[in-house]
Amino acid sequence: MSTIKTLIFDFGDVFINLDKQGAMTNALELFEVDELPEELVSINTLYEQGLISTEEFIEFYTDNFPKLSEKEIIDAWNYILKDFPEHRLEFIKQLAKDNTYKLILLSNTNNLHISWIAENILFYEEFKSCFDVFYLSHEINLRKPNADIYEFVLKENKLKASDCFFIDDTKDNTDTASNLGIHTWNIDETSQDIVDLFDINKDLF
């Protein structure tokens, strides 16, 4: 008999498809660099953690890349976001309806990305309403893979780590969760789909 009571899901490359490689190639060409400077990576992280505003984030880029318009910067930032296959929406809707597990979303994301998703993914609100709790890094000022974000989720929801199952496409993220005693699935988005959660992890369910 499974002890899993709570399912914690990442968002990108679990529900919505991302083009990480394409976005990186596009950014490097646009900014005319061979690799992203450390300073840009730091700013992106601060923004994802909600420690700087969208205005400050865009201002940083327009100051550093004066040839680029605000729109070009926002488009480059949102380039990573692709489609959200509807069968995944049906999957989470069914889980919500079954009411067997507490459902939590835990995503490293930022205001610009969520704004794009809310505008372009017509069923975003319906998707969001499937979850008992919906955590976005920029709203809680914490981000994966830092241990404090998982500790926050466990404490806020009075959860026992061993009763939780966390799904994320980034190994660093599942490794940290695993070290805290949370069951994990480091999903390979190139060959696996979230809808196969119970088939792939049947030893736990």
N, C-alpha and C. Protein backbone atom coordinates (compact mmCIF):
# COMPACT_ATOMS: atom_id res chain seq x y z
N MET A 1 0.85 -1.20 0.00
CA MET A 1 0.00 0.00 0.00
C MET A 1 0.89 1.25 0.00
N SER A 2 0.64 2.14 -0.96
CA SER A 2 1.47 3.34 -1.08
C SER A 2 1.23 4.31 0.08
N THR A 3 2.32 4.95 0.50
CA THR A 3 2.16 5.97 1.55
C THR A 3 2.09 7.36 0.92
N ILE A 4 2.21 7.44 -0.40
CA ILE A 4 2.22 8.75 -1.06
C ILE A 4 0.86 9.43 -0.91
N LYS A 5 0.92 10.63 -0.33
CA LYS A 5 -0.32 11.39 -0.12
C LYS A 5 -0.33 12.70 -0.90
N THR A 6 0.88 13.16 -1.26
CA THR A 6 1.00 14.46 -1.94
C THR A 6 1.87 14.34 -3.18
N LEU A 7 1.38 14.89 -4.29
CA LEU A 7 2.15 14.93 -5.54
C LEU A 7 2.57 16.39 -5.78
N ILE A 8 3.87 16.59 -5.97
CA ILE A 8 4.41 17.93 -6.20
C ILE A 8 5.00 17.96 -7.62
N PHE A 9 4.49 18.85 -8.43
CA PHE A 9 4.87 18.89 -9.84
C PHE A 9 5.64 20.16 -10.19
N ASP A 10 6.66 19.98 -11.03
CA ASP A 10 7.28 21.11 -11.71
C ASP A 10 6.32 21.50 -12.85
N PHE A 11 6.58 22.63 -13.49
CA PHE A 11 5.69 23.11 -14.56
C PHE A 11 6.33 22.94 -15.94
N GLY A 12 7.50 23.59 -16.14
CA GLY A 12 8.17 23.57 -17.44
C GLY A 12 8.74 22.20 -17.77
N ASP A 13 8.45 21.72 -18.99
CA ASP A 13 8.88 20.41 -19.47
C ASP A 13 8.27 19.25 -18.67
N VAL A 14 7.26 19.58 -17.87
CA VAL A 14 6.44 18.55 -17.23
C VAL A 14 5.02 18.71 -17.78
N PHE A 15 4.52 19.95 -17.76
CA PHE A 15 3.22 20.24 -18.37
C PHE A 15 3.38 21.05 -19.66
N ILE A 16 4.04 22.21 -19.54
CA ILE A 16 4.25 23.03 -20.74
C ILE A 16 5.61 22.67 -21.35
N ASN A 17 5.66 22.54 -22.66
CA ASN A 17 6.92 22.22 -23.32
C ASN A 17 7.81 23.45 -23.40
N LEU A 18 9.11 23.23 -23.21
CA LEU A 18 10.10 24.30 -23.29
C LEU A 18 11.10 24.00 -24.40
N ASP A 19 11.70 25.06 -24.92
CA ASP A 19 12.80 24.89 -25.87
C ASP A 19 14.03 25.57 -25.26
N LYS A 20 14.64 24.87 -24.32
CA LYS A 20 15.79 25.46 -23.60
C LYS A 20 16.96 25.73 -24.54
N GLN A 21 17.26 24.75 -25.39
CA GLN A 21 18.39 24.87 -26.31
C GLN A 21 18.15 25.99 -27.31
N GLY A 22 16.95 26.02 -27.88
CA GLY A 22 16.61 27.06 -28.86
C GLY A 22 16.66 28.44 -28.24
N ALA A 23 16.17 28.56 -27.01
CA ALA A 23 16.15 29.85 -26.31
C ALA A 23 17.57 30.33 -26.04
N MET A 24 18.44 29.39 -25.66
CA MET A 24 19.84 29.75 -25.38
C MET A 24 20.54 30.19 -26.68
N THR A 25 20.36 29.43 -27.75
CA THR A 25 20.98 29.77 -29.05
C THR A 25 20.49 31.15 -29.50
N ASN A 26 19.20 31.37 -29.37
CA ASN A 26 18.60 32.65 -29.77
C ASN A 26 19.18 33.80 -28.95
N ALA A 27 19.31 33.60 -27.63
CA ALA A 27 19.83 34.65 -26.74
C ALA A 27 21.30 34.96 -27.06
N LEU A 28 22.09 33.93 -27.29
CA LEU A 28 23.52 34.14 -27.59
C LEU A 28 23.70 34.94 -28.88
N GLU A 29 22.86 34.62 -29.88
CA GLU A 29 22.93 35.36 -31.15
C GLU A 29 22.50 36.81 -30.95
N LEU A 30 21.39 36.99 -30.23
CA LEU A 30 20.84 38.32 -30.01
C LEU A 30 21.80 39.21 -29.23
N PHE A 31 22.41 38.64 -28.17
CA PHE A 31 23.31 39.42 -27.33
C PHE A 31 24.75 39.42 -27.85
N GLU A 32 24.96 38.67 -28.96
CA GLU A 32 26.27 38.60 -29.60
C GLU A 32 27.37 38.18 -28.62
N VAL A 33 27.09 37.08 -27.91
CA VAL A 33 28.07 36.52 -26.98
C VAL A 33 28.20 35.02 -27.24
N ASP A 34 29.32 34.42 -26.80
CA ASP A 34 29.53 32.98 -26.99
C ASP A 34 28.89 32.19 -25.86
N GLU A 35 28.85 32.81 -24.70
CA GLU A 35 28.15 32.19 -23.56
C GLU A 35 27.59 33.30 -22.68
N LEU A 36 26.55 32.96 -21.91
CA LEU A 36 25.92 33.99 -21.09
C LEU A 36 26.88 34.42 -19.98
N PRO A 37 27.20 35.72 -19.90
CA PRO A 37 28.08 36.18 -18.82
C PRO A 37 27.45 35.89 -17.45
N GLU A 38 28.31 35.70 -16.48
CA GLU A 38 27.88 35.39 -15.11
C GLU A 38 26.86 36.41 -14.60
N GLU A 39 27.09 37.67 -14.98
CA GLU A 39 26.21 38.76 -14.51
C GLU A 39 24.77 38.56 -14.98
N LEU A 40 24.63 38.10 -16.23
CA LEU A 40 23.28 37.85 -16.77
C LEU A 40 22.61 36.69 -16.05
N VAL A 41 23.38 35.64 -15.83
CA VAL A 41 22.85 34.47 -15.12
C VAL A 41 22.37 34.88 -13.73
N SER A 42 23.15 35.72 -13.05
CA SER A 42 22.78 36.20 -11.70
C SER A 42 21.51 37.02 -11.73
N ILE A 43 21.40 37.91 -12.72
CA ILE A 43 20.20 38.76 -12.84
C ILE A 43 18.97 37.89 -13.11
N ASN A 44 19.13 36.90 -14.00
CA ASN A 44 18.02 36.00 -14.33
C ASN A 44 17.55 35.26 -13.09
N THR A 45 18.52 34.83 -12.27
CA THR A 45 18.20 34.10 -11.03
C THR A 45 17.48 35.00 -10.05
N LEU A 46 17.96 36.22 -9.89
CA LEU A 46 17.30 37.19 -8.99
C LEU A 46 15.87 37.44 -9.43
N TYR A 47 15.70 37.56 -10.74
CA TYR A 47 14.37 37.83 -11.28
C TYR A 47 13.43 36.64 -11.04
N GLU A 48 13.97 35.45 -11.26
CA GLU A 48 13.17 34.24 -11.05
C GLU A 48 12.77 34.09 -9.59
N GLN A 49 13.58 34.64 -8.72
CA GLN A 49 13.30 34.54 -7.29
C GLN A 49 12.47 35.73 -6.79
N GLY A 50 12.09 36.60 -7.72
CA GLY A 50 11.26 37.74 -7.35
C GLY A 50 12.00 38.78 -6.54
N LEU A 51 13.33 38.79 -6.64
CA LEU A 51 14.12 39.73 -5.84
C LEU A 51 14.37 41.04 -6.58
N ILE A 52 14.07 41.05 -7.89
CA ILE A 52 14.04 42.32 -8.63
C ILE A 52 12.75 42.32 -9.45
N SER A 53 12.26 43.50 -9.75
CA SER A 53 10.99 43.63 -10.47
C SER A 53 11.20 43.42 -11.97
N THR A 54 10.10 43.26 -12.69
CA THR A 54 10.17 43.13 -14.16
C THR A 54 10.80 44.39 -14.75
N GLU A 55 10.43 45.55 -14.23
CA GLU A 55 10.98 46.82 -14.73
C GLU A 55 12.50 46.85 -14.56
N GLU A 56 12.97 46.46 -13.38
CA GLU A 56 14.42 46.46 -13.12
C GLU A 56 15.13 45.44 -14.02
N PHE A 57 14.47 44.31 -14.22
CA PHE A 57 15.03 43.24 -15.05
C PHE A 57 15.20 43.73 -16.50
N ILE A 58 14.15 44.33 -17.04
CA ILE A 58 14.21 44.82 -18.43
C ILE A 58 15.20 45.98 -18.54
N GLU A 59 15.20 46.84 -17.54
CA GLU A 59 16.12 47.99 -17.53
C GLU A 59 17.58 47.53 -17.55
N PHE A 60 17.86 46.46 -16.80
CA PHE A 60 19.22 45.92 -16.78
C PHE A 60 19.63 45.52 -18.20
N TYR A 61 18.74 44.83 -18.90
CA TYR A 61 19.05 44.37 -20.26
C TYR A 61 19.14 45.53 -21.26
N THR A 62 18.23 46.51 -21.16
CA THR A 62 18.29 47.63 -22.12
C THR A 62 19.53 48.50 -21.86
N ASP A 63 19.94 48.59 -20.60
CA ASP A 63 21.18 49.33 -20.28
C ASP A 63 22.41 48.62 -20.85
N ASN A 64 22.41 47.30 -20.73
CA ASN A 64 23.58 46.54 -21.16
C ASN A 64 23.59 46.22 -22.66
N PHE A 65 22.41 46.23 -23.26
CA PHE A 65 22.32 45.96 -24.70
C PHE A 65 21.46 47.06 -25.35
N PRO A 66 22.04 48.28 -25.42
CA PRO A 66 21.26 49.44 -25.86
C PRO A 66 20.72 49.34 -27.29
N LYS A 67 21.30 48.44 -28.09
CA LYS A 67 20.82 48.27 -29.47
C LYS A 67 19.47 47.57 -29.50
N LEU A 68 19.14 46.88 -28.41
CA LEU A 68 17.91 46.07 -28.39
C LEU A 68 16.74 46.82 -27.78
N SER A 69 15.58 46.60 -28.38
CA SER A 69 14.37 47.23 -27.84
C SER A 69 13.84 46.38 -26.68
N GLU A 70 12.96 47.00 -25.91
CA GLU A 70 12.33 46.29 -24.79
C GLU A 70 11.60 45.05 -25.31
N LYS A 71 10.91 45.20 -26.44
CA LYS A 71 10.15 44.09 -27.02
C LYS A 71 11.08 42.93 -27.41
N GLU A 72 12.21 43.26 -28.01
CA GLU A 72 13.17 42.21 -28.42
C GLU A 72 13.66 41.43 -27.20
N ILE A 73 13.88 42.15 -26.12
CA ILE A 73 14.37 41.51 -24.89
C ILE A 73 13.29 40.58 -24.32
N ILE A 74 12.06 41.08 -24.26
CA ILE A 74 10.95 40.27 -23.72
C ILE A 74 10.71 39.05 -24.61
N ASP A 75 10.74 39.25 -25.92
CA ASP A 75 10.54 38.13 -26.86
C ASP A 75 11.62 37.06 -26.69
N ALA A 76 12.86 37.53 -26.49
CA ALA A 76 13.97 36.58 -26.30
C ALA A 76 13.79 35.81 -24.99
N TRP A 77 13.33 36.51 -23.97
CA TRP A 77 13.13 35.89 -22.66
C TRP A 77 12.02 34.84 -22.72
N ASN A 78 10.96 35.13 -23.51
CA ASN A 78 9.82 34.22 -23.60
C ASN A 78 9.98 33.15 -24.69
N TYR A 79 11.08 33.21 -25.41
CA TYR A 79 11.32 32.28 -26.53
C TYR A 79 11.25 30.82 -26.08
N ILE A 80 11.63 30.58 -24.86
CA ILE A 80 11.71 29.22 -24.30
C ILE A 80 10.33 28.54 -24.20
N LEU A 81 9.28 29.34 -24.09
CA LEU A 81 7.94 28.80 -23.84
C LEU A 81 7.27 28.31 -25.11
N LYS A 82 6.81 27.07 -25.08
CA LYS A 82 6.20 26.48 -26.28
C LYS A 82 4.75 26.10 -25.99
N ASP A 83 4.34 24.94 -26.45
CA ASP A 83 2.93 24.53 -26.33
C ASP A 83 2.66 23.75 -25.04
N PHE A 84 1.40 23.66 -24.70
CA PHE A 84 0.96 22.90 -23.53
C PHE A 84 -0.03 21.85 -24.05
N PRO A 85 0.44 20.60 -24.25
CA PRO A 85 -0.44 19.56 -24.79
C PRO A 85 -1.66 19.32 -23.90
N GLU A 86 -2.82 19.29 -24.53
CA GLU A 86 -4.08 19.23 -23.78
C GLU A 86 -4.27 17.92 -23.01
N HIS A 87 -3.63 16.84 -23.48
CA HIS A 87 -3.80 15.57 -22.75
C HIS A 87 -3.20 15.66 -21.34
N ARG A 88 -2.25 16.58 -21.15
CA ARG A 88 -1.67 16.76 -19.81
C ARG A 88 -2.64 17.53 -18.91
N LEU A 89 -3.38 18.45 -19.50
CA LEU A 89 -4.42 19.14 -18.74
C LEU A 89 -5.47 18.12 -18.27
N GLU A 90 -5.87 17.23 -19.19
CA GLU A 90 -6.89 16.22 -18.85
C GLU A 90 -6.40 15.33 -17.71
N PHE A 91 -5.11 15.01 -17.75
CA PHE A 91 -4.49 14.17 -16.72
C PHE A 91 -4.60 14.82 -15.33
N ILE A 92 -4.24 16.09 -15.24
CA ILE A 92 -4.27 16.76 -13.92
C ILE A 92 -5.72 17.04 -13.49
N LYS A 93 -6.60 17.28 -14.45
CA LYS A 93 -8.02 17.47 -14.12
C LYS A 93 -8.60 16.20 -13.50
N GLN A 94 -8.21 15.07 -14.07
CA GLN A 94 -8.69 13.78 -13.56
C GLN A 94 -8.15 13.53 -12.14
N LEU A 95 -6.88 13.85 -11.94
CA LEU A 95 -6.27 13.69 -10.61
C LEU A 95 -7.00 14.56 -9.59
N ALA A 96 -7.32 15.78 -9.98
CA ALA A 96 -8.02 16.70 -9.08
C ALA A 96 -9.41 16.15 -8.75
N LYS A 97 -10.05 15.60 -9.77
CA LYS A 97 -11.40 15.06 -9.61
C LYS A 97 -11.38 13.83 -8.68
N ASP A 98 -10.37 12.96 -8.88
CA ASP A 98 -10.25 11.74 -8.06
C ASP A 98 -10.02 12.07 -6.59
N ASN A 99 -9.31 13.19 -6.36
CA ASN A 99 -9.09 13.67 -5.00
C ASN A 99 -8.38 12.66 -4.10
N THR A 100 -7.49 11.87 -4.70
CA THR A 100 -6.73 10.87 -3.93
C THR A 100 -5.49 11.50 -3.29
N TYR A 101 -4.93 12.48 -3.99
CA TYR A 101 -3.68 13.11 -3.54
C TYR A 101 -3.86 14.61 -3.40
N LYS A 102 -3.09 15.18 -2.48
CA LYS A 102 -2.97 16.65 -2.44
C LYS A 102 -2.08 17.00 -3.63
N LEU A 103 -2.44 18.01 -4.40
CA LEU A 103 -1.69 18.38 -5.61
C LEU A 103 -1.06 19.75 -5.43
N ILE A 104 0.27 19.80 -5.62
CA ILE A 104 1.02 21.04 -5.45
C ILE A 104 1.84 21.30 -6.71
N LEU A 105 1.83 22.53 -7.17
CA LEU A 105 2.74 22.91 -8.25
C LEU A 105 3.88 23.72 -7.64
N LEU A 106 5.10 23.40 -8.05
CA LEU A 106 6.29 24.09 -7.52
C LEU A 106 7.22 24.39 -8.68
N SER A 107 7.20 25.65 -9.11
CA SER A 107 7.91 26.00 -10.34
C SER A 107 8.85 27.17 -10.14
N ASN A 108 10.04 27.05 -10.74
CA ASN A 108 10.94 28.20 -10.86
C ASN A 108 10.42 29.00 -12.05
N THR A 109 9.76 30.09 -11.79
CA THR A 109 9.29 30.90 -12.91
C THR A 109 9.23 32.35 -12.51
N ASN A 110 8.87 33.19 -13.44
CA ASN A 110 8.94 34.63 -13.21
C ASN A 110 7.71 35.30 -13.81
N ASN A 111 7.57 36.55 -13.50
CA ASN A 111 6.38 37.30 -13.89
C ASN A 111 6.16 37.36 -15.40
N LEU A 112 7.22 37.59 -16.17
CA LEU A 112 7.07 37.68 -17.63
C LEU A 112 6.60 36.35 -18.22
N HIS A 113 7.17 35.25 -17.74
CA HIS A 113 6.77 33.94 -18.26
C HIS A 113 5.32 33.62 -17.91
N ILE A 114 4.95 33.88 -16.68
CA ILE A 114 3.57 33.57 -16.26
C ILE A 114 2.58 34.46 -17.00
N SER A 115 2.95 35.70 -17.25
CA SER A 115 2.08 36.61 -18.01
C SER A 115 1.88 36.08 -19.43
N TRP A 116 2.96 35.62 -20.03
CA TRP A 116 2.87 35.04 -21.40
C TRP A 116 1.96 33.81 -21.39
N ILE A 117 2.16 32.95 -20.40
CA ILE A 117 1.37 31.71 -20.30
C ILE A 117 -0.11 32.03 -20.10
N ALA A 118 -0.39 32.97 -19.20
CA ALA A 118 -1.79 33.35 -18.92
C ALA A 118 -2.47 33.90 -20.18
N GLU A 119 -1.67 34.56 -21.02
CA GLU A 119 -2.21 35.17 -22.24
C GLU A 119 -2.35 34.16 -23.38
N ASN A 120 -1.42 33.22 -23.47
CA ASN A 120 -1.35 32.33 -24.64
C ASN A 120 -1.87 30.92 -24.42
N ILE A 121 -1.90 30.48 -23.17
CA ILE A 121 -2.44 29.14 -22.88
C ILE A 121 -3.86 29.36 -22.37
N LEU A 122 -4.82 29.10 -23.24
CA LEU A 122 -6.22 29.48 -22.95
C LEU A 122 -6.79 28.82 -21.71
N PHE A 123 -6.25 27.64 -21.38
CA PHE A 123 -6.81 26.93 -20.22
C PHE A 123 -5.94 27.06 -18.97
N TYR A 124 -5.08 28.09 -18.94
CA TYR A 124 -4.17 28.25 -17.81
C TYR A 124 -4.91 28.32 -16.47
N GLU A 125 -5.97 29.10 -16.38
CA GLU A 125 -6.70 29.24 -15.11
C GLU A 125 -7.34 27.91 -14.70
N GLU A 126 -7.82 27.18 -15.69
CA GLU A 126 -8.42 25.87 -15.43
C GLU A 126 -7.35 24.91 -14.89
N PHE A 127 -6.16 24.96 -15.50
CA PHE A 127 -5.02 24.16 -15.06
C PHE A 127 -4.67 24.51 -13.62
N LYS A 128 -4.52 25.80 -13.36
CA LYS A 128 -4.12 26.29 -12.04
C LYS A 128 -5.11 25.84 -10.96
N SER A 129 -6.39 25.85 -11.30
CA SER A 129 -7.43 25.50 -10.31
C SER A 129 -7.43 24.02 -9.94
N CYS A 130 -6.68 23.20 -10.67
CA CYS A 130 -6.59 21.77 -10.34
C CYS A 130 -5.74 21.53 -9.09
N PHE A 131 -4.89 22.50 -8.76
CA PHE A 131 -3.94 22.33 -7.66
C PHE A 131 -4.48 22.86 -6.35
N ASP A 132 -4.12 22.17 -5.27
CA ASP A 132 -4.46 22.66 -3.93
C ASP A 132 -3.62 23.88 -3.60
N VAL A 133 -2.36 23.84 -4.02
CA VAL A 133 -1.45 24.97 -3.81
C VAL A 133 -0.61 25.15 -5.06
N PHE A 134 -0.33 26.40 -5.42
CA PHE A 134 0.37 26.73 -6.66
C PHE A 134 1.51 27.67 -6.32
N TYR A 135 2.72 27.13 -6.24
CA TYR A 135 3.88 27.94 -5.83
C TYR A 135 4.75 28.32 -7.02
N LEU A 136 4.95 29.62 -7.21
CA LEU A 136 5.85 30.12 -8.25
C LEU A 136 7.01 30.81 -7.54
N SER A 137 8.23 30.50 -7.97
CA SER A 137 9.42 30.98 -7.26
C SER A 137 9.42 32.50 -7.05
N HIS A 138 8.98 33.26 -8.07
CA HIS A 138 9.06 34.72 -7.93
C HIS A 138 8.04 35.26 -6.93
N GLU A 139 7.05 34.44 -6.60
CA GLU A 139 6.05 34.89 -5.62
C GLU A 139 6.44 34.53 -4.18
N ILE A 140 7.24 33.46 -4.04
CA ILE A 140 7.62 33.06 -2.68
C ILE A 140 9.08 33.38 -2.35
N ASN A 141 9.78 33.99 -3.32
CA ASN A 141 11.19 34.42 -3.15
C ASN A 141 12.13 33.28 -2.79
N LEU A 142 11.82 32.11 -3.27
CA LEU A 142 12.68 30.94 -3.08
C LEU A 142 12.75 30.23 -4.43
N ARG A 143 13.86 29.51 -4.67
CA ARG A 143 13.90 28.78 -5.94
C ARG A 143 14.61 27.44 -5.79
N LYS A 144 14.24 26.51 -6.66
CA LYS A 144 14.91 25.21 -6.73
C LYS A 144 16.28 25.43 -7.38
N PRO A 145 17.31 24.69 -7.08
CA PRO A 145 17.32 23.49 -6.24
C PRO A 145 17.65 23.74 -4.76
N ASN A 146 17.53 24.98 -4.28
CA ASN A 146 17.88 25.24 -2.87
C ASN A 146 16.95 24.47 -1.93
N ALA A 147 17.52 23.89 -0.91
CA ALA A 147 16.74 23.05 0.02
C ALA A 147 15.62 23.83 0.70
N ASP A 148 15.83 25.15 0.91
CA ASP A 148 14.82 25.91 1.67
C ASP A 148 13.45 25.96 0.98
N ILE A 149 13.41 25.83 -0.34
CA ILE A 149 12.11 25.88 -1.02
C ILE A 149 11.29 24.62 -0.71
N TYR A 150 11.97 23.49 -0.61
CA TYR A 150 11.27 22.23 -0.29
C TYR A 150 10.85 22.22 1.18
N GLU A 151 11.74 22.73 2.02
CA GLU A 151 11.43 22.81 3.46
C GLU A 151 10.22 23.72 3.69
N PHE A 152 10.16 24.79 2.91
CA PHE A 152 9.04 25.73 2.97
C PHE A 152 7.73 25.02 2.61
N VAL A 153 7.75 24.27 1.51
CA VAL A 153 6.53 23.56 1.06
C VAL A 153 6.09 22.53 2.10
N LEU A 154 7.05 21.79 2.64
CA LEU A 154 6.72 20.77 3.65
C LEU A 154 6.10 21.41 4.89
N LYS A 155 6.74 22.49 5.34
CA LYS A 155 6.29 23.16 6.57
C LYS A 155 4.93 23.84 6.37
N GLU A 156 4.80 24.59 5.28
CA GLU A 156 3.56 25.32 4.99
C GLU A 156 2.35 24.40 4.93
N ASN A 157 2.58 23.19 4.40
CA ASN A 157 1.46 22.27 4.19
C ASN A 157 1.42 21.12 5.19
N LYS A 158 2.30 21.23 6.21
CA LYS A 158 2.39 20.20 7.27
C LYS A 158 2.52 18.80 6.67
N LEU A 159 3.50 18.67 5.78
CA LEU A 159 3.70 17.40 5.07
C LEU A 159 4.91 16.65 5.62
N LYS A 160 4.84 15.33 5.52
CA LYS A 160 5.98 14.48 5.85
C LYS A 160 6.69 14.18 4.53
N ALA A 161 8.00 14.38 4.49
CA ALA A 161 8.75 14.19 3.25
C ALA A 161 8.47 12.84 2.61
N SER A 162 8.43 11.79 3.42
CA SER A 162 8.26 10.43 2.89
C SER A 162 6.87 10.17 2.31
N ASP A 163 5.93 11.10 2.56
CA ASP A 163 4.58 10.97 2.00
C ASP A 163 4.44 11.72 0.68
N CYS A 164 5.54 12.38 0.26
CA CYS A 164 5.48 13.24 -0.93
C CYS A 164 6.23 12.63 -2.11
N PHE A 165 5.72 12.92 -3.30
CA PHE A 165 6.36 12.48 -4.54
C PHE A 165 6.52 13.71 -5.43
N PHE A 166 7.76 13.99 -5.84
CA PHE A 166 8.08 15.22 -6.57
C PHE A 166 8.58 14.88 -7.97
N ILE A 167 8.03 15.57 -8.98
CA ILE A 167 8.40 15.32 -10.38
C ILE A 167 9.01 16.58 -10.96
N ASP A 168 10.21 16.45 -11.52
CA ASP A 168 10.91 17.61 -12.11
C ASP A 168 11.84 17.11 -13.19
N ASP A 169 12.04 17.92 -14.24
CA ASP A 169 12.92 17.50 -15.34
C ASP A 169 14.39 17.82 -15.09
N THR A 170 14.67 18.57 -14.02
CA THR A 170 16.06 18.96 -13.72
C THR A 170 16.61 18.13 -12.57
N LYS A 171 17.72 17.42 -12.85
CA LYS A 171 18.26 16.47 -11.87
C LYS A 171 18.68 17.14 -10.56
N ASP A 172 19.26 18.33 -10.63
CA ASP A 172 19.66 19.05 -9.40
C ASP A 172 18.45 19.23 -8.48
N ASN A 173 17.31 19.50 -9.09
CA ASN A 173 16.09 19.74 -8.31
C ASN A 173 15.60 18.48 -7.62
N THR A 174 15.59 17.36 -8.36
CA THR A 174 15.13 16.11 -7.74
C THR A 174 16.16 15.59 -6.74
N ASP A 175 17.44 15.85 -6.99
CA ASP A 175 18.49 15.40 -6.05
C ASP A 175 18.31 16.05 -4.68
N THR A 176 18.08 17.37 -4.67
CA THR A 176 17.90 18.07 -3.38
C THR A 176 16.67 17.53 -2.65
N ALA A 177 15.58 17.36 -3.39
CA ALA A 177 14.35 16.85 -2.78
C ALA A 177 14.57 15.45 -2.21
N SER A 178 15.27 14.65 -2.98
CA SER A 178 15.58 13.27 -2.58
C SER A 178 16.39 13.24 -1.28
N ASN A 179 17.35 14.15 -1.17
CA ASN A 179 18.19 14.23 0.04
C ASN A 179 17.37 14.58 1.28
N LEU A 180 16.20 15.20 1.07
CA LEU A 180 15.33 15.56 2.19
C LEU A 180 14.34 14.44 2.51
N GLY A 181 14.42 13.35 1.74
CA GLY A 181 13.55 12.21 2.03
C GLY A 181 12.28 12.17 1.20
N ILE A 182 12.19 13.09 0.21
CA ILE A 182 11.02 13.11 -0.68
C ILE A 182 11.24 12.11 -1.81
N HIS A 183 10.21 11.35 -2.16
CA HIS A 183 10.31 10.45 -3.32
C HIS A 183 10.33 11.31 -4.58
N THR A 184 11.14 10.92 -5.57
CA THR A 184 11.26 11.78 -6.76
C THR A 184 11.24 10.98 -8.06
N TRP A 185 10.88 11.70 -9.11
CA TRP A 185 11.00 11.19 -10.47
C TRP A 185 11.63 12.30 -11.30
N ASN A 186 12.86 12.07 -11.75
CA ASN A 186 13.54 13.03 -12.63
C ASN A 186 13.10 12.67 -14.05
N ILE A 187 12.01 13.28 -14.47
CA ILE A 187 11.39 12.93 -15.75
C ILE A 187 12.30 13.35 -16.92
N ASP A 188 12.42 12.48 -17.91
CA ASP A 188 13.17 12.79 -19.12
C ASP A 188 12.15 13.26 -20.16
N GLU A 189 12.09 14.57 -20.33
CA GLU A 189 11.03 15.14 -21.19
C GLU A 189 11.16 14.73 -22.65
N THR A 190 12.33 14.20 -23.04
CA THR A 190 12.51 13.80 -24.44
C THR A 190 11.86 12.45 -24.73
N SER A 191 11.64 11.65 -23.69
CA SER A 191 11.11 10.31 -23.94
C SER A 191 9.98 9.90 -23.00
N GLN A 192 9.67 10.74 -22.02
CA GLN A 192 8.64 10.38 -21.04
C GLN A 192 7.59 11.48 -20.96
N ASP A 193 6.41 11.11 -20.48
CA ASP A 193 5.32 12.09 -20.36
C ASP A 193 4.70 11.96 -18.98
N ILE A 194 4.32 13.10 -18.42
CA ILE A 194 3.74 13.12 -17.07
C ILE A 194 2.51 12.22 -16.96
N VAL A 195 1.79 12.04 -18.06
CA VAL A 195 0.56 11.22 -17.99
C VAL A 195 0.88 9.75 -17.68
N ASP A 196 2.15 9.36 -17.85
CA ASP A 196 2.57 7.99 -17.55
C ASP A 196 3.14 7.85 -16.15
N LEU A 197 2.89 8.86 -15.33
CA LEU A 197 3.40 8.90 -13.95
C LEU A 197 3.22 7.59 -13.20
N PHE A 198 2.02 7.07 -13.21
CA PHE A 198 1.71 5.88 -12.38
C PHE A 198 2.26 4.59 -13.00
N ASP A 199 2.33 4.54 -14.33
CA ASP A 199 2.91 3.34 -15.00
C ASP A 199 4.41 3.27 -14.75
N ILE A 200 5.07 4.41 -14.91
CA ILE A 200 6.54 4.43 -14.80
C ILE A 200 6.98 4.25 -13.35
N ASN A 201 6.19 4.71 -12.39
CA ASN A 201 6.57 4.65 -10.98
C ASN A 201 5.69 3.68 -10.20
N LYS A 202 5.29 2.57 -10.85
CA LYS A 202 4.30 1.70 -10.20
C LYS A 202 4.82 1.02 -8.94
N ASP A 203 6.13 0.99 -8.75
CA ASP A 203 6.67 0.43 -7.51
C ASP A 203 6.26 1.27 -6.29
N LEU A 204 5.89 2.53 -6.55
CA LEU A 204 5.53 3.44 -5.44
C LEU A 204 4.02 3.62 -5.28
N PHE A 205 3.27 3.26 -6.33
CA PHE A 205 1.83 3.54 -6.29
C PHE A 205 1.00 2.25 -6.34
